[in-house]
N, C-alpha and C. Protein backbone atom coordinates (compact mmCIF):
# COMPACT_ATOMS: atom_id res chain seq x y z
N MET A 1 -29.51 139.83 39.92
CA MET A 1 -30.13 138.50 39.98
C MET A 1 -29.15 137.48 40.46
N ALA A 2 -29.55 136.74 41.58
CA ALA A 2 -28.66 135.71 42.12
C ALA A 2 -28.71 134.53 41.35
N ARG A 3 -27.56 133.89 41.13
CA ARG A 3 -27.46 132.55 40.49
C ARG A 3 -27.29 131.47 41.48
N ARG A 4 -27.83 130.32 41.06
CA ARG A 4 -27.74 129.15 42.00
C ARG A 4 -26.31 128.72 42.02
N PRO A 5 -25.88 128.07 43.12
CA PRO A 5 -24.50 127.53 43.23
C PRO A 5 -24.21 126.59 42.01
N GLY A 6 -23.03 126.79 41.49
CA GLY A 6 -22.62 125.88 40.40
C GLY A 6 -23.03 126.33 39.00
N TYR A 7 -23.82 127.40 38.91
CA TYR A 7 -24.25 127.85 37.63
C TYR A 7 -23.13 128.11 36.61
N TYR A 8 -22.18 128.89 37.05
CA TYR A 8 -21.07 129.30 36.19
C TYR A 8 -20.21 128.00 35.82
N MET A 9 -20.02 127.08 36.68
CA MET A 9 -19.29 125.89 36.46
C MET A 9 -20.02 125.08 35.38
N GLU A 10 -21.33 125.03 35.51
CA GLU A 10 -22.16 124.28 34.46
C GLU A 10 -21.98 124.89 33.12
N LEU A 11 -22.05 126.24 33.09
CA LEU A 11 -21.84 126.97 31.80
C LEU A 11 -20.46 126.63 31.20
N SER A 12 -19.49 126.71 32.04
CA SER A 12 -18.03 126.41 31.61
C SER A 12 -17.99 124.97 31.05
N ASN A 13 -18.57 124.01 31.76
CA ASN A 13 -18.52 122.65 31.38
C ASN A 13 -19.25 122.45 29.98
N GLU A 14 -20.39 123.20 29.86
CA GLU A 14 -21.15 123.11 28.63
C GLU A 14 -20.36 123.55 27.41
N ILE A 15 -19.65 124.63 27.62
CA ILE A 15 -18.79 125.27 26.59
C ILE A 15 -17.60 124.28 26.27
N MET A 16 -16.94 123.79 27.27
CA MET A 16 -15.71 122.92 27.12
C MET A 16 -16.07 121.55 26.54
N GLU A 17 -17.23 121.05 26.81
CA GLU A 17 -17.54 119.65 26.46
C GLU A 17 -18.68 119.53 25.45
N THR A 18 -18.96 120.68 24.77
CA THR A 18 -20.17 120.62 23.81
C THR A 18 -19.89 119.65 22.73
N SER A 19 -20.98 119.11 22.29
CA SER A 19 -20.95 118.18 21.14
C SER A 19 -21.77 118.77 19.96
N VAL A 20 -22.32 119.97 20.17
CA VAL A 20 -23.07 120.63 19.18
C VAL A 20 -22.06 121.13 18.13
N ASN A 21 -22.39 120.98 16.84
CA ASN A 21 -21.49 121.20 15.77
C ASN A 21 -20.87 122.64 15.87
N GLU A 22 -21.75 123.62 16.08
CA GLU A 22 -21.28 124.99 16.18
C GLU A 22 -20.31 125.23 17.34
N GLY A 23 -20.60 124.53 18.52
CA GLY A 23 -19.75 124.59 19.64
C GLY A 23 -18.36 124.05 19.32
N VAL A 24 -18.40 122.84 18.66
CA VAL A 24 -17.13 122.23 18.30
C VAL A 24 -16.28 123.15 17.38
N ILE A 25 -16.86 123.69 16.41
CA ILE A 25 -16.22 124.64 15.57
C ILE A 25 -15.60 125.83 16.30
N ALA A 26 -16.39 126.35 17.32
CA ALA A 26 -15.96 127.39 18.11
C ALA A 26 -14.76 127.06 18.86
N LYS A 27 -14.71 125.85 19.45
CA LYS A 27 -13.63 125.28 20.25
C LYS A 27 -12.48 125.18 19.29
N LEU A 28 -12.56 124.72 18.15
CA LEU A 28 -11.49 124.50 17.19
C LEU A 28 -10.80 125.82 16.90
N ALA A 29 -11.70 126.91 16.72
CA ALA A 29 -11.17 128.29 16.46
C ALA A 29 -10.32 128.72 17.66
N ASP A 30 -10.69 128.43 18.84
CA ASP A 30 -9.90 128.69 20.09
C ASP A 30 -8.53 128.06 19.99
N TYR A 31 -8.48 126.77 19.63
CA TYR A 31 -7.17 126.13 19.54
C TYR A 31 -6.32 126.76 18.46
N LEU A 32 -6.93 127.04 17.26
CA LEU A 32 -6.25 127.66 16.16
C LEU A 32 -5.60 128.95 16.60
N GLU A 33 -6.46 129.76 17.30
CA GLU A 33 -6.03 131.06 17.73
C GLU A 33 -4.83 131.03 18.56
N VAL A 34 -4.89 130.23 19.64
CA VAL A 34 -3.86 130.21 20.57
C VAL A 34 -2.62 129.64 20.02
N THR A 35 -2.71 128.67 19.16
CA THR A 35 -1.52 128.12 18.51
C THR A 35 -0.89 129.13 17.58
N HIS A 36 -1.63 129.88 16.87
CA HIS A 36 -1.04 130.91 15.96
C HIS A 36 -0.46 132.02 16.77
N TYR A 37 -1.08 132.37 17.93
CA TYR A 37 -0.48 133.40 18.78
C TYR A 37 0.86 132.95 19.30
N LYS A 38 0.96 131.65 19.71
CA LYS A 38 2.20 131.19 20.25
C LYS A 38 3.25 131.25 19.14
N GLN A 39 2.87 130.93 17.95
CA GLN A 39 3.79 130.99 16.83
C GLN A 39 4.25 132.43 16.49
N TYR A 40 3.30 133.33 16.55
CA TYR A 40 3.57 134.76 16.34
C TYR A 40 4.51 135.20 17.42
N MET A 41 4.48 134.78 18.61
CA MET A 41 5.38 135.17 19.74
C MET A 41 6.57 134.29 19.79
N ASN A 42 6.82 133.47 18.83
CA ASN A 42 7.97 132.62 18.75
C ASN A 42 8.08 131.69 20.01
N ARG A 43 6.98 131.30 20.46
CA ARG A 43 6.85 130.37 21.65
C ARG A 43 6.28 128.98 21.30
N LEU A 44 6.03 128.73 20.06
CA LEU A 44 5.34 127.52 19.71
C LEU A 44 6.41 126.35 19.52
N SER A 45 6.08 125.26 20.19
CA SER A 45 6.89 124.06 20.10
C SER A 45 6.21 122.97 19.32
N LYS A 46 6.98 121.97 18.87
CA LYS A 46 6.32 120.85 18.14
C LYS A 46 5.34 120.21 19.07
N GLY A 47 5.56 120.09 20.34
CA GLY A 47 4.64 119.53 21.28
C GLY A 47 3.37 120.24 21.33
N ASP A 48 3.40 121.62 21.20
CA ASP A 48 2.24 122.36 21.20
C ASP A 48 1.32 122.04 20.11
N VAL A 49 1.95 121.86 18.89
CA VAL A 49 1.25 121.58 17.65
C VAL A 49 0.57 120.20 17.84
N VAL A 50 1.32 119.18 18.29
CA VAL A 50 0.84 117.81 18.38
C VAL A 50 -0.34 117.79 19.46
N MET A 51 -0.21 118.58 20.54
CA MET A 51 -1.25 118.52 21.52
C MET A 51 -2.52 119.26 21.04
N ALA A 52 -2.32 120.35 20.31
CA ALA A 52 -3.51 121.03 19.78
C ALA A 52 -4.23 120.18 18.69
N CYS A 53 -3.47 119.52 17.87
CA CYS A 53 -4.03 118.67 16.88
C CYS A 53 -4.82 117.48 17.50
N LYS A 54 -4.16 116.80 18.48
CA LYS A 54 -4.90 115.76 19.21
C LYS A 54 -6.28 116.23 19.83
N ALA A 55 -6.13 117.41 20.51
CA ALA A 55 -7.38 117.86 21.13
C ALA A 55 -8.44 118.21 20.10
N MET A 56 -8.01 118.84 18.93
CA MET A 56 -8.96 119.18 17.85
C MET A 56 -9.56 117.89 17.26
N GLU A 57 -8.80 116.88 17.04
CA GLU A 57 -9.27 115.67 16.49
C GLU A 57 -10.34 114.98 17.39
N LYS A 58 -10.12 115.10 18.74
CA LYS A 58 -11.15 114.60 19.67
C LYS A 58 -12.43 115.39 19.49
N LYS A 59 -12.25 116.68 19.43
CA LYS A 59 -13.46 117.56 19.26
C LYS A 59 -14.22 117.25 17.91
N ILE A 60 -13.43 117.09 16.89
CA ILE A 60 -14.05 116.87 15.58
C ILE A 60 -14.78 115.59 15.52
N ALA A 61 -14.36 114.61 16.33
CA ALA A 61 -14.96 113.28 16.32
C ALA A 61 -16.36 113.41 16.94
N LEU A 62 -16.70 114.42 17.68
CA LEU A 62 -18.00 114.63 18.29
C LEU A 62 -18.99 115.22 17.37
N MET A 63 -18.63 115.62 16.26
CA MET A 63 -19.56 116.22 15.27
C MET A 63 -20.59 115.29 14.78
N THR A 64 -21.76 115.80 14.57
CA THR A 64 -22.84 114.91 13.96
C THR A 64 -22.82 115.19 12.46
N ASP A 65 -22.34 116.30 12.00
CA ASP A 65 -22.31 116.57 10.52
C ASP A 65 -21.08 115.83 9.86
N LYS A 66 -21.15 114.75 9.35
CA LYS A 66 -20.11 114.00 8.84
C LYS A 66 -19.32 114.63 7.70
N ILE A 67 -19.93 115.44 6.87
CA ILE A 67 -19.25 116.17 5.78
C ILE A 67 -18.27 117.10 6.47
N ALA A 68 -18.79 117.89 7.50
CA ALA A 68 -17.99 118.83 8.16
C ALA A 68 -16.82 118.19 8.96
N GLU A 69 -17.13 117.00 9.46
CA GLU A 69 -16.18 116.24 10.24
C GLU A 69 -14.99 115.85 9.22
N LYS A 70 -15.30 115.32 8.05
CA LYS A 70 -14.34 114.94 7.05
C LYS A 70 -13.47 116.21 6.55
N GLU A 71 -14.10 117.16 6.29
CA GLU A 71 -13.44 118.42 5.82
C GLU A 71 -12.49 119.09 6.89
N LEU A 72 -13.01 119.08 8.06
CA LEU A 72 -12.14 119.58 9.15
C LEU A 72 -11.07 118.76 9.50
N THR A 73 -11.22 117.47 9.32
CA THR A 73 -10.04 116.54 9.60
C THR A 73 -9.06 116.77 8.54
N LYS A 74 -9.47 116.98 7.36
CA LYS A 74 -8.44 117.32 6.17
C LYS A 74 -7.76 118.53 6.55
N PHE A 75 -8.43 119.56 6.95
CA PHE A 75 -7.88 120.83 7.24
C PHE A 75 -6.92 120.75 8.41
N ILE A 76 -7.14 120.02 9.43
CA ILE A 76 -6.22 119.89 10.57
C ILE A 76 -4.97 119.20 10.14
N VAL A 77 -5.13 118.11 9.26
CA VAL A 77 -3.91 117.42 8.82
C VAL A 77 -3.02 118.37 8.00
N ASP A 78 -3.64 119.19 7.15
CA ASP A 78 -2.76 120.11 6.35
C ASP A 78 -2.25 121.24 7.22
N TRP A 79 -3.02 121.70 8.15
CA TRP A 79 -2.54 122.77 9.13
C TRP A 79 -1.35 122.29 9.86
N LYS A 80 -1.45 121.05 10.42
CA LYS A 80 -0.34 120.49 11.19
C LYS A 80 0.95 120.41 10.34
N LYS A 81 0.82 119.95 9.10
CA LYS A 81 1.99 119.84 8.25
C LYS A 81 2.61 121.18 8.02
N GLN A 82 1.80 122.19 7.82
CA GLN A 82 2.36 123.57 7.49
C GLN A 82 3.00 124.08 8.73
N LEU A 83 2.42 123.92 9.96
CA LEU A 83 3.02 124.43 11.19
C LEU A 83 4.36 123.71 11.47
N LEU A 84 4.38 122.42 11.27
CA LEU A 84 5.60 121.66 11.56
C LEU A 84 6.67 121.96 10.53
N SER A 85 6.27 122.24 9.41
CA SER A 85 7.28 122.63 8.37
C SER A 85 7.88 124.01 8.42
N GLY A 86 7.21 124.88 9.10
CA GLY A 86 7.54 126.24 9.29
C GLY A 86 7.15 127.14 8.03
N LYS A 87 6.40 126.55 7.06
CA LYS A 87 6.11 127.27 5.88
C LYS A 87 5.25 128.59 6.12
N ASN A 88 4.51 128.57 7.16
CA ASN A 88 3.67 129.78 7.43
C ASN A 88 4.35 130.80 8.29
N GLN A 89 5.53 130.48 8.74
CA GLN A 89 6.26 131.42 9.60
C GLN A 89 6.42 132.76 8.95
N GLU A 90 6.71 132.78 7.61
CA GLU A 90 7.01 134.00 6.93
C GLU A 90 5.77 135.04 7.00
N PHE A 91 4.54 134.43 7.02
CA PHE A 91 3.37 135.24 7.22
C PHE A 91 3.43 136.11 8.58
N PHE A 92 3.80 135.38 9.62
CA PHE A 92 3.89 136.08 10.87
C PHE A 92 4.99 137.09 10.91
N GLU A 93 6.08 136.76 10.30
CA GLU A 93 7.21 137.78 10.20
C GLU A 93 6.79 139.00 9.48
N GLN A 94 6.05 138.83 8.43
CA GLN A 94 5.61 139.93 7.60
C GLN A 94 4.56 140.82 8.48
N ALA A 95 3.72 140.16 9.27
CA ALA A 95 2.74 140.82 10.09
C ALA A 95 3.49 141.59 11.24
N LYS A 96 4.53 141.10 11.68
CA LYS A 96 5.29 141.82 12.85
C LYS A 96 5.92 143.13 12.24
N SER A 97 6.31 143.19 11.03
CA SER A 97 6.98 144.30 10.49
C SER A 97 6.04 145.42 10.13
N LYS A 98 4.75 145.29 10.18
CA LYS A 98 3.76 146.27 9.80
C LYS A 98 3.56 147.19 11.00
């Protein structure tokens, strides 16, 4: 089945710029995954953490569910503190040794 020109670009834009609560949560999961992977590979910088948090905060602000917005904001603040402190690095070291 042939797709009209621009179809895949529209899908990509819809995924990247979604304001639907579930889409926002999916995008947050993407940021969490890539950040944790960079940490696991010992390639995570403080700038990476700050960039990811800023991007996630912008996404969270799009949510229409205000309770979810509040709880996710608290989660991101705590997550950022843990990443910058290095407290969760031990978890990744243990995973590497298995």
